[in-house]
Amino acid sequence: MLIVGELINSSRKAIKAAIDAYDAETIKNVAKAQAEAGADYIDINCGTFVQDEEKRSRWLIETVQEVVELPLCLDSPDPKVLEAGLLAAGDKHQPMINSITWEKERFQAVLPLVLQYKAKIIALCMGDGGIPQTASERVEIATQLVEALTAAGVPEDDIYLDPLVQPISSADEAGLQTLDTIRGIKGLFPKVHCICGLSNISFGLPNRKLLNRIFLVQAMSRGMDAYILDPTDIDLMGTLYASNALLGRDKFCTKYLKAHRKGLYEKSI
């Protein structure tokens, strides 16, 4: 199970304010908290700073790397910002790029970066026609993405397909579509990973943390093996470790027992 810590994102008011003020201490504290809570990657996103995203992104990367020994997930719609971020991150860790799609222009712009930096790549199951409305259409695009990426030399283990979680508040069957997409992808490509921004499922609804925890378990049962989430949410992380153990993905329940010994469940239950 791979966890990408989602908190350093300029769409969050406190983070946007910190980036705007070049408040390094706030950014460092958030990065350290995510690392200590169990993140494997730290997401870096300052996409709301459209005019100087590249400059802000480099500053964020340098600031985070001063205090955290973790690889980074570089998240931007702009390939030029991604490239600048990859250069700033260096080659100490394998980076992750968020994201590539089956849109012709996007695919052609991002693929060279994936190959040059040997990065893990998040691939969104969408093409030039936008977000597919059915699971079968998403699986079809996932197939095209995997075939094109592997043909170019990207290892299956470095591919993280995003089934595009949409809020159930706007579409009753959005959760089921995601679950069916995961099952379809894993049936065809068992060595390829599935990842999603977990909290998208609950957008616009009350009791979001409860919905997120339940959907996390449902998605894991279909094969989801990576998430972009808030690792400092102890209830969520406790659910993740427990579900992983129950699904037979935690040999000798090692990670579950480690979480127990650290007192995670005493805090969350």
C-alpha atoms as a PDB file:
ATOM      1  CA  MET A   1       0.000   0.000   0.000  1.00  0.00           C
ATOM      2  CA  LEU A   2       1.421   3.351  -1.089  1.00  0.00           C
ATOM      3  CA  ILE A   3       0.261   6.552   0.608  1.00  0.00           C
ATOM      4  CA  VAL A   4       0.705   9.992  -0.940  1.00  0.00           C
ATOM      5  CA  GLY A   5       0.264  12.742   1.647  1.00  0.00           C
ATOM      6  CA  GLU A   6      -2.126  15.282   0.142  1.00  0.00           C
ATOM      7  CA  LEU A   7      -1.871  18.235   2.522  1.00  0.00           C
ATOM      8  CA  ILE A   8       0.665  20.482   0.750  1.00  0.00           C
ATOM      9  CA  ASN A   9      -1.796  21.711  -1.815  1.00  0.00           C
ATOM     10  CA  SER A  10      -2.532  25.366  -2.496  1.00  0.00           C
ATOM     11  CA  SER A  11      -6.244  24.637  -2.831  1.00  0.00           C
ATOM     12  CA  ARG A  12      -6.208  24.464   0.998  1.00  0.00           C
ATOM     13  CA  LYS A  13      -6.544  27.946   2.497  1.00  0.00           C
ATOM     14  CA  ALA A  14      -3.833  27.597   5.148  1.00  0.00           C
ATOM     15  CA  ILE A  15      -1.331  26.194   2.665  1.00  0.00           C
ATOM     16  CA  LYS A  16      -2.125  28.835   0.057  1.00  0.00           C
ATOM     17  CA  ALA A  17      -1.499  31.530   2.655  1.00  0.00           C
ATOM     18  CA  ALA A  18       1.792  29.899   3.674  1.00  0.00           C
ATOM     19  CA  ILE A  19       2.967  29.647   0.070  1.00  0.00           C
ATOM     20  CA  ASP A  20       1.914  33.214  -0.632  1.00  0.00           C
ATOM     21  CA  ALA A  21       3.952  34.445   2.341  1.00  0.00           C
ATOM     22  CA  TYR A  22       6.862  32.045   1.770  1.00  0.00           C
ATOM     23  CA  ASP A  23       6.165  30.752   5.275  1.00  0.00           C
ATOM     24  CA  ALA A  24       8.667  27.903   5.337  1.00  0.00           C
ATOM     25  CA  GLU A  25       7.989  26.911   8.938  1.00  0.00           C
ATOM     26  CA  THR A  26       4.326  26.091   8.275  1.00  0.00           C
ATOM     27  CA  ILE A  27       5.176  24.041   5.202  1.00  0.00           C
ATOM     28  CA  LYS A  28       7.923  22.166   7.053  1.00  0.00           C
ATOM     29  CA  ASN A  29       5.595  21.328   9.942  1.00  0.00           C
ATOM     30  CA  VAL A  30       2.950  19.931   7.594  1.00  0.00           C
ATOM     31  CA  ALA A  31       5.541  17.901   5.685  1.00  0.00           C
ATOM     32  CA  LYS A  32       7.005  16.444   8.899  1.00  0.00           C
ATOM     33  CA  ALA A  33       3.563  15.597  10.270  1.00  0.00           C
ATOM     34  CA  GLN A  34       2.686  13.644   7.133  1.00  0.00           C
ATOM     35  CA  ALA A  35       5.989  11.792   7.128  1.00  0.00           C
ATOM     36  CA  GLU A  36       5.621  10.851  10.786  1.00  0.00           C
ATOM     37  CA  ALA A  37       2.026   9.698  10.182  1.00  0.00           C
ATOM     38  CA  GLY A  38       3.044   7.174   7.521  1.00  0.00           C
ATOM     39  CA  ALA A  39       3.157   8.917   4.133  1.00  0.00           C
ATOM     40  CA  ASP A  40       5.370   7.260   1.504  1.00  0.00           C
ATOM     41  CA  TYR A  41       5.304  10.272  -0.830  1.00  0.00           C
ATOM     42  CA  ILE A  42       4.625  13.965  -0.208  1.00  0.00           C
ATOM     43  CA  ASP A  43       2.408  15.649  -2.775  1.00  0.00           C
ATOM     44  CA  ILE A  44       3.500  19.091  -3.989  1.00  0.00           C
ATOM     45  CA  ASN A  45       0.793  21.190  -5.616  1.00  0.00           C
ATOM     46  CA  CYS A  46       0.668  24.963  -5.979  1.00  0.00           C
ATOM     47  CA  GLY A  47      -1.573  25.062  -9.038  1.00  0.00           C
ATOM     48  CA  THR A  48      -3.637  28.011  -7.807  1.00  0.00           C
ATOM     49  CA  PHE A  49      -0.572  30.249  -8.312  1.00  0.00           C
ATOM     50  CA  VAL A  50      -1.044  30.320 -12.059  1.00  0.00           C
ATOM     51  CA  GLN A  51       1.271  33.252 -12.783  1.00  0.00           C
ATOM     52  CA  ASP A  52       4.324  31.938 -10.935  1.00  0.00           C
ATOM     53  CA  GLU A  53       3.561  28.264 -10.290  1.00  0.00           C
ATOM     54  CA  GLU A  54       7.026  27.155 -11.391  1.00  0.00           C
ATOM     55  CA  LYS A  55       8.794  29.479  -8.946  1.00  0.00           C
ATOM     56  CA  ARG A  56       6.489  28.586  -6.061  1.00  0.00           C
ATOM     57  CA  SER A  57       6.801  24.879  -6.820  1.00  0.00           C
ATOM     58  CA  ARG A  58      10.611  24.989  -6.679  1.00  0.00           C
ATOM     59  CA  TRP A  59      10.439  26.803  -3.341  1.00  0.00           C
ATOM     60  CA  LEU A  60       8.004  24.231  -1.943  1.00  0.00           C
ATOM     61  CA  ILE A  61      10.200  21.339  -3.064  1.00  0.00           C
ATOM     62  CA  GLU A  62      13.340  22.828  -1.550  1.00  0.00           C
ATOM     63  CA  THR A  63      11.516  23.654   1.687  1.00  0.00           C
ATOM     64  CA  VAL A  64      10.039  20.174   2.099  1.00  0.00           C
ATOM     65  CA  GLN A  65      13.316  18.446   1.287  1.00  0.00           C
ATOM     66  CA  GLU A  66      15.067  20.337   4.076  1.00  0.00           C
ATOM     67  CA  VAL A  67      13.101  18.378   6.686  1.00  0.00           C
ATOM     68  CA  VAL A  68      11.718  15.218   5.080  1.00  0.00           C
ATOM     69  CA  GLU A  69      13.585  12.244   3.625  1.00  0.00           C
ATOM     70  CA  LEU A  70      10.753  11.090   1.379  1.00  0.00           C
ATOM     71  CA  PRO A  71      10.210  11.095  -2.389  1.00  0.00           C
ATOM     72  CA  LEU A  72       7.859  13.685  -3.834  1.00  0.00           C
ATOM     73  CA  CYS A  73       4.735  13.476  -5.955  1.00  0.00           C
ATOM     74  CA  LEU A  74       4.814  16.468  -8.302  1.00  0.00           C
ATOM     75  CA  ASP A  75       1.293  17.569  -9.123  1.00  0.00           C
ATOM     76  CA  SER A  76       0.640  20.112 -11.885  1.00  0.00           C
ATOM     77  CA  PRO A  77      -1.325  20.445 -15.129  1.00  0.00           C
ATOM     78  CA  ASP A  78       1.672  22.241 -16.669  1.00  0.00           C
ATOM     79  CA  PRO A  79       4.436  19.995 -18.092  1.00  0.00           C
ATOM     80  CA  LYS A  80       6.944  22.848 -17.764  1.00  0.00           C
ATOM     81  CA  VAL A  81       6.236  23.083 -14.043  1.00  0.00           C
ATOM     82  CA  LEU A  82       6.599  19.318 -13.742  1.00  0.00           C
ATOM     83  CA  GLU A  83       9.976  19.420 -15.475  1.00  0.00           C
ATOM     84  CA  ALA A  84      11.237  22.248 -13.268  1.00  0.00           C
ATOM     85  CA  GLY A  85      10.045  20.332 -10.217  1.00  0.00           C
ATOM     86  CA  LEU A  86      11.781  17.145 -11.293  1.00  0.00           C
ATOM     87  CA  LEU A  87      15.037  19.057 -11.703  1.00  0.00           C
ATOM     88  CA  ALA A  88      14.634  20.680  -8.292  1.00  0.00           C
ATOM     89  CA  ALA A  89      13.821  17.364  -6.603  1.00  0.00           C
ATOM     90  CA  GLY A  90      17.067  15.760  -7.754  1.00  0.00           C
ATOM     91  CA  ASP A  91      17.744  12.050  -8.170  1.00  0.00           C
ATOM     92  CA  LYS A  92      18.006  10.852  -4.567  1.00  0.00           C
ATOM     93  CA  HIS A  93      14.521   9.294  -4.685  1.00  0.00           C
ATOM     94  CA  GLN A  94      12.273   8.022  -7.454  1.00  0.00           C
ATOM     95  CA  PRO A  95       9.784  10.826  -8.128  1.00  0.00           C
ATOM     96  CA  MET A  96       6.113  10.454  -8.936  1.00  0.00           C
ATOM     97  CA  ILE A  97       4.339  12.568 -11.555  1.00  0.00           C
ATOM     98  CA  ASN A  98       0.690  13.537 -11.218  1.00  0.00           C
ATOM     99  CA  SER A  99      -0.431  13.122 -13.930  1.00  0.00           C
ATOM    100  CA  ILE A 100      -0.708  11.870 -17.477  1.00  0.00           C
ATOM    101  CA  THR A 101      -3.927  11.194 -19.406  1.00  0.00           C
ATOM    102  CA  TRP A 102      -4.909   9.664 -22.726  1.00  0.00           C
ATOM    103  CA  GLU A 103      -5.420  13.166 -24.100  1.00  0.00           C
ATOM    104  CA  LYS A 104      -3.040  13.323 -27.049  1.00  0.00           C
ATOM    105  CA  GLU A 105      -1.364  16.626 -26.184  1.00  0.00           C
ATOM    106  CA  ARG A 106      -0.984  15.802 -22.487  1.00  0.00           C
ATOM    107  CA  PHE A 107       0.326  12.302 -23.152  1.00  0.00           C
ATOM    108  CA  GLN A 108       2.954  13.493 -25.615  1.00  0.00           C
ATOM    109  CA  ALA A 109       4.122  16.266 -23.279  1.00  0.00           C
ATOM    110  CA  VAL A 110       4.416  14.209 -20.085  1.00  0.00           C
ATOM    111  CA  LEU A 111       5.690  10.849 -21.359  1.00  0.00           C
ATOM    112  CA  PRO A 112       9.233  12.131 -22.101  1.00  0.00           C
ATOM    113  CA  LEU A 113       9.483  13.356 -18.490  1.00  0.00           C
ATOM    114  CA  VAL A 114       8.412   9.956 -17.150  1.00  0.00           C
ATOM    115  CA  LEU A 115      11.081   8.252 -19.220  1.00  0.00           C
ATOM    116  CA  GLN A 116      13.876  10.765 -18.609  1.00  0.00           C
ATOM    117  CA  TYR A 117      13.421  10.805 -14.824  1.00  0.00           C
ATOM    118  CA  LYS A 118      12.324   7.164 -14.493  1.00  0.00           C
ATOM    119  CA  ALA A 119       9.334   8.399 -12.509  1.00  0.00           C
ATOM    120  CA  LYS A 120       6.302   6.634 -11.185  1.00  0.00           C
ATOM    121  CA  ILE A 121       3.308   7.977 -13.100  1.00  0.00           C
ATOM    122  CA  ILE A 122      -0.306   8.560 -12.119  1.00  0.00           C
ATOM    123  CA  ALA A 123      -2.430   7.994 -15.223  1.00  0.00           C
ATOM    124  CA  LEU A 124      -5.970   9.335 -15.226  1.00  0.00           C
ATOM    125  CA  CYS A 125      -8.539   7.180 -17.031  1.00  0.00           C
ATOM    126  CA  MET A 126      -9.685   9.955 -19.344  1.00  0.00           C
ATOM    127  CA  GLY A 127      -9.016  11.007 -22.908  1.00  0.00           C
ATOM    128  CA  ASP A 128      -9.817  13.815 -25.309  1.00  0.00           C
ATOM    129  CA  GLY A 129     -13.529  13.177 -24.790  1.00  0.00           C
ATOM    130  CA  GLY A 130     -13.323  14.085 -21.113  1.00  0.00           C
ATOM    131  CA  ILE A 131     -14.238  11.898 -18.139  1.00  0.00           C
ATOM    132  CA  PRO A 132     -15.903   8.648 -19.290  1.00  0.00           C
ATOM    133  CA  GLN A 133     -19.310   8.045 -17.787  1.00  0.00           C
ATOM    134  CA  THR A 134     -19.114   4.251 -17.465  1.00  0.00           C
ATOM    135  CA  ALA A 135     -16.668   1.820 -15.880  1.00  0.00           C
ATOM    136  CA  SER A 136     -16.215  -0.060 -19.150  1.00  0.00           C
ATOM    137  CA  GLU A 137     -15.170   3.142 -20.943  1.00  0.00           C
ATOM    138  CA  ARG A 138     -12.667   3.927 -18.199  1.00  0.00           C
ATOM    139  CA  VAL A 139     -11.219   0.422 -18.357  1.00  0.00           C
ATOM    140  CA  GLU A 140     -10.884   0.801 -22.128  1.00  0.00           C
ATOM    141  CA  ILE A 141      -8.884   4.011 -21.701  1.00  0.00           C
ATOM    142  CA  ALA A 142      -6.842   2.388 -18.918  1.00  0.00           C
ATOM    143  CA  THR A 143      -5.963  -0.387 -21.376  1.00  0.00           C
ATOM    144  CA  GLN A 144      -4.787   2.136 -23.961  1.00  0.00           C
ATOM    145  CA  LEU A 145      -2.729   3.951 -21.362  1.00  0.00           C
ATOM    146  CA  VAL A 146      -1.040   0.820 -20.046  1.00  0.00           C
ATOM    147  CA  GLU A 147      -0.279  -0.485 -23.518  1.00  0.00           C
ATOM    148  CA  ALA A 148       1.186   2.844 -24.640  1.00  0.00           C
ATOM    149  CA  LEU A 149       3.211   3.393 -21.470  1.00  0.00           C
ATOM    150  CA  THR A 150       4.675  -0.103 -21.366  1.00  0.00           C
ATOM    151  CA  ALA A 151       5.443   0.010 -25.092  1.00  0.00           C
ATOM    152  CA  ALA A 152       7.446   3.175 -24.408  1.00  0.00           C
ATOM    153  CA  GLY A 153       9.408   1.387 -21.680  1.00  0.00           C
ATOM    154  CA  VAL A 154       7.577   2.302 -18.471  1.00  0.00           C
ATOM    155  CA  PRO A 155       7.505  -0.709 -16.082  1.00  0.00           C
ATOM    156  CA  GLU A 156       4.030  -1.858 -15.037  1.00  0.00           C
ATOM    157  CA  ASP A 157       5.067  -1.453 -11.389  1.00  0.00           C
ATOM    158  CA  ASP A 158       5.579   2.286 -11.977  1.00  0.00           C
ATOM    159  CA  ILE A 159       2.078   2.836 -13.404  1.00  0.00           C
ATOM    160  CA  TYR A 160      -0.683   4.061 -11.057  1.00  0.00           C
ATOM    161  CA  LEU A 161      -4.058   4.220 -12.780  1.00  0.00           C
ATOM    162  CA  ASP A 162      -6.577   6.662 -11.348  1.00  0.00           C
ATOM    163  CA  PRO A 163     -10.169   5.470 -11.935  1.00  0.00           C
ATOM    164  CA  LEU A 164     -11.433   9.033 -11.397  1.00  0.00           C
ATOM    165  CA  VAL A 165     -13.424   9.124  -8.182  1.00  0.00           C
ATOM    166  CA  GLN A 166     -16.399  11.462  -8.465  1.00  0.00           C
ATOM    167  CA  PRO A 167     -18.638  12.639  -5.606  1.00  0.00           C
ATOM    168  CA  ILE A 168     -21.645  10.498  -4.826  1.00  0.00           C
ATOM    169  CA  SER A 169     -23.400  13.778  -4.021  1.00  0.00           C
ATOM    170  CA  SER A 170     -23.537  14.514  -7.754  1.00  0.00           C
ATOM    171  CA  ALA A 171     -23.988  10.991  -9.120  1.00  0.00           C
ATOM    172  CA  ASP A 172     -25.649   8.156  -7.193  1.00  0.00           C
ATOM    173  CA  GLU A 173     -23.550   5.438  -8.814  1.00  0.00           C
ATOM    174  CA  ALA A 174     -20.209   7.260  -8.768  1.00  0.00           C
ATOM    175  CA  GLY A 175     -18.863   4.963  -6.065  1.00  0.00           C
ATOM    176  CA  LEU A 176     -19.952   1.816  -7.882  1.00  0.00           C
ATOM    177  CA  GLN A 177     -18.416   3.064 -11.131  1.00  0.00           C
ATOM    178  CA  THR A 178     -15.092   3.519  -9.392  1.00  0.00           C
ATOM    179  CA  LEU A 179     -15.238   0.084  -7.770  1.00  0.00           C
ATOM    180  CA  ASP A 180     -16.131  -1.580 -11.077  1.00  0.00           C
ATOM    181  CA  THR A 181     -13.311   0.293 -12.808  1.00  0.00           C
ATOM    182  CA  ILE A 182     -10.771  -0.914 -10.240  1.00  0.00           C
ATOM    183  CA  ARG A 183     -11.947  -4.496 -10.603  1.00  0.00           C
ATOM    184  CA  GLY A 184     -11.747  -4.267 -14.401  1.00  0.00           C
ATOM    185  CA  ILE A 185      -8.239  -2.797 -14.342  1.00  0.00           C
ATOM    186  CA  LYS A 186      -6.906  -5.328 -11.867  1.00  0.00           C
ATOM    187  CA  GLY A 187      -8.436  -8.196 -13.842  1.00  0.00           C
ATOM    188  CA  LEU A 188      -6.526  -7.140 -16.948  1.00  0.00           C
ATOM    189  CA  PHE A 189      -3.344  -5.761 -15.393  1.00  0.00           C
ATOM    190  CA  PRO A 190      -2.639  -7.308 -11.980  1.00  0.00           C
ATOM    191  CA  LYS A 191       0.860  -5.795 -11.837  1.00  0.00           C
ATOM    192  CA  VAL A 192      -0.373  -2.250 -12.432  1.00  0.00           C
ATOM    193  CA  HIS A 193      -1.417  -0.170  -9.427  1.00  0.00           C
ATOM    194  CA  CYS A 194      -4.628   1.763  -8.775  1.00  0.00           C
ATOM    195  CA  ILE A 195      -4.641   5.102  -6.957  1.00  0.00           C
ATOM    196  CA  CYS A 196      -7.202   7.796  -6.217  1.00  0.00           C
ATOM    197  CA  GLY A 197      -7.836  10.993  -4.332  1.00  0.00           C
ATOM    198  CA  LEU A 198      -9.942   9.349  -1.657  1.00  0.00           C
ATOM    199  CA  SER A 199     -11.812  12.372  -0.301  1.00  0.00           C
ATOM    200  CA  ASN A 200     -13.370  13.164  -3.703  1.00  0.00           C
ATOM    201  CA  ILE A 201     -16.013  10.526  -2.998  1.00  0.00           C
ATOM    202  CA  SER A 202     -17.546  12.499  -0.115  1.00  0.00           C
ATOM    203  CA  PHE A 203     -17.368  16.040  -1.496  1.00  0.00           C
ATOM    204  CA  GLY A 204     -20.455  18.091  -0.672  1.00  0.00           C
ATOM    205  CA  LEU A 205     -21.781  15.749   2.006  1.00  0.00           C
ATOM    206  CA  PRO A 206     -21.780  15.741   5.839  1.00  0.00           C
ATOM    207  CA  ASN A 207     -19.784  13.185   7.825  1.00  0.00           C
ATOM    208  CA  ARG A 208     -17.114  13.096   5.135  1.00  0.00           C
ATOM    209  CA  LYS A 209     -14.537  11.266   7.219  1.00  0.00           C
ATOM    210  CA  LEU A 210     -16.936   8.372   7.807  1.00  0.00           C
ATOM    211  CA  LEU A 211     -17.738   8.079   4.097  1.00  0.00           C
ATOM    212  CA  ASN A 212     -14.028   8.223   3.245  1.00  0.00           C
ATOM    213  CA  ARG A 213     -13.190   5.385   5.650  1.00  0.00           C
ATOM    214  CA  ILE A 214     -15.949   3.126   4.349  1.00  0.00           C
ATOM    215  CA  PHE A 215     -15.061   3.779   0.721  1.00  0.00           C
ATOM    216  CA  LEU A 216     -11.388   3.140   1.456  1.00  0.00           C
ATOM    217  CA  VAL A 217     -12.259  -0.388   2.625  1.00  0.00           C
ATOM    218  CA  GLN A 218     -14.606  -1.008  -0.315  1.00  0.00           C
ATOM    219  CA  ALA A 219     -11.977   0.101  -2.832  1.00  0.00           C
ATOM    220  CA  MET A 220      -9.234  -1.970  -1.188  1.00  0.00           C
ATOM    221  CA  SER A 221     -11.427  -5.053  -1.487  1.00  0.00           C
ATOM    222  CA  ARG A 222     -11.537  -4.495  -5.268  1.00  0.00           C
ATOM    223  CA  GLY A 223      -7.768  -4.064  -5.571  1.00  0.00           C
ATOM    224  CA  MET A 224      -6.963  -0.428  -4.805  1.00  0.00           C
ATOM    225  CA  ASP A 225      -3.387  -0.372  -3.518  1.00  0.00           C
ATOM    226  CA  ALA A 226      -2.493   3.326  -3.327  1.00  0.00           C
ATOM    227  CA  TYR A 227      -4.210   6.467  -2.085  1.00  0.00           C
ATOM    228  CA  ILE A 228      -3.773  10.218  -2.090  1.00  0.00           C
ATOM    229  CA  LEU A 229      -5.066  11.132   1.354  1.00  0.00           C
ATOM    230  CA  ASP A 230      -4.463  12.870   4.667  1.00  0.00           C
ATOM    231  CA  PRO A 231      -2.167  10.522   6.613  1.00  0.00           C
ATOM    232  CA  THR A 232      -2.575  12.583   9.780  1.00  0.00           C
ATOM    233  CA  ASP A 233      -6.208  11.396  10.002  1.00  0.00           C
ATOM    234  CA  ILE A 234      -5.620   8.636  12.564  1.00  0.00           C
ATOM    235  CA  ASP A 235      -9.056   7.081  12.132  1.00  0.00           C
ATOM    236  CA  LEU A 236      -8.476   6.760   8.412  1.00  0.00           C
ATOM    237  CA  MET A 237      -4.977   5.329   8.795  1.00  0.00           C
ATOM    238  CA  GLY A 238      -6.169   2.899  11.461  1.00  0.00           C
ATOM    239  CA  THR A 239      -8.860   1.673   9.077  1.00  0.00           C
ATOM    240  CA  LEU A 240      -6.299   1.296   6.311  1.00  0.00           C
ATOM    241  CA  TYR A 241      -3.910  -0.836   8.387  1.00  0.00           C
ATOM    242  CA  ALA A 242      -6.757  -3.009   9.656  1.00  0.00           C
ATOM    243  CA  SER A 243      -8.221  -3.507   6.181  1.00  0.00           C
ATOM    244  CA  ASN A 244      -4.804  -4.327   4.753  1.00  0.00           C
ATOM    245  CA  ALA A 245      -4.338  -7.041   7.381  1.00  0.00           C
ATOM    246  CA  LEU A 246      -7.818  -8.487   6.837  1.00  0.00           C
ATOM    247  CA  LEU A 247      -7.222  -8.678   3.077  1.00  0.00           C
ATOM    248  CA  GLY A 248      -4.033 -10.687   3.567  1.00  0.00           C
ATOM    249  CA  ARG A 249      -1.723  -7.927   2.370  1.00  0.00           C
ATOM    250  CA  ASP A 250       0.150  -7.484   5.646  1.00  0.00           C
ATOM    251  CA  LYS A 251       2.391 -10.495   6.300  1.00  0.00           C
ATOM    252  CA  PHE A 252       2.037 -11.639   9.907  1.00  0.00           C
ATOM    253  CA  CYS A 253      -0.030  -8.450  10.469  1.00  0.00           C
ATOM    254  CA  THR A 254       3.283  -6.626  10.859  1.00  0.00           C
ATOM    255  CA  LYS A 255       2.104  -3.119   9.981  1.00  0.00           C
ATOM    256  CA  TYR A 256      -1.145  -3.519  11.899  1.00  0.00           C
ATOM    257  CA  LEU A 257       0.719  -4.602  15.026  1.00  0.00           C
ATOM    258  CA  LYS A 258       3.231  -1.794  14.621  1.00  0.00           C
ATOM    259  CA  ALA A 259       0.376   0.714  14.461  1.00  0.00           C
ATOM    260  CA  HIS A 260      -1.157  -0.877  17.552  1.00  0.00           C
ATOM    261  CA  ARG A 261       2.106  -0.670  19.499  1.00  0.00           C
ATOM    262  CA  LYS A 262       2.482   2.977  18.580  1.00  0.00           C
ATOM    263  CA  GLY A 263      -0.889   3.592  20.222  1.00  0.00           C
ATOM    264  CA  LEU A 264      -2.737   4.499  17.029  1.00  0.00           C
ATOM    265  CA  TYR A 265      -5.900   2.644  18.022  1.00  0.00           C
ATOM    266  CA  GLU A 266      -5.881   4.016  21.558  1.00  0.00           C
ATOM    267  CA  LYS A 267      -6.132   7.477  20.034  1.00  0.00           C
ATOM    268  CA  SER A 268      -8.750   6.642  17.440  1.00  0.00           C
ATOM    269  CA  ILE A 269     -11.167   4.320  19.245  1.00  0.00           C
END
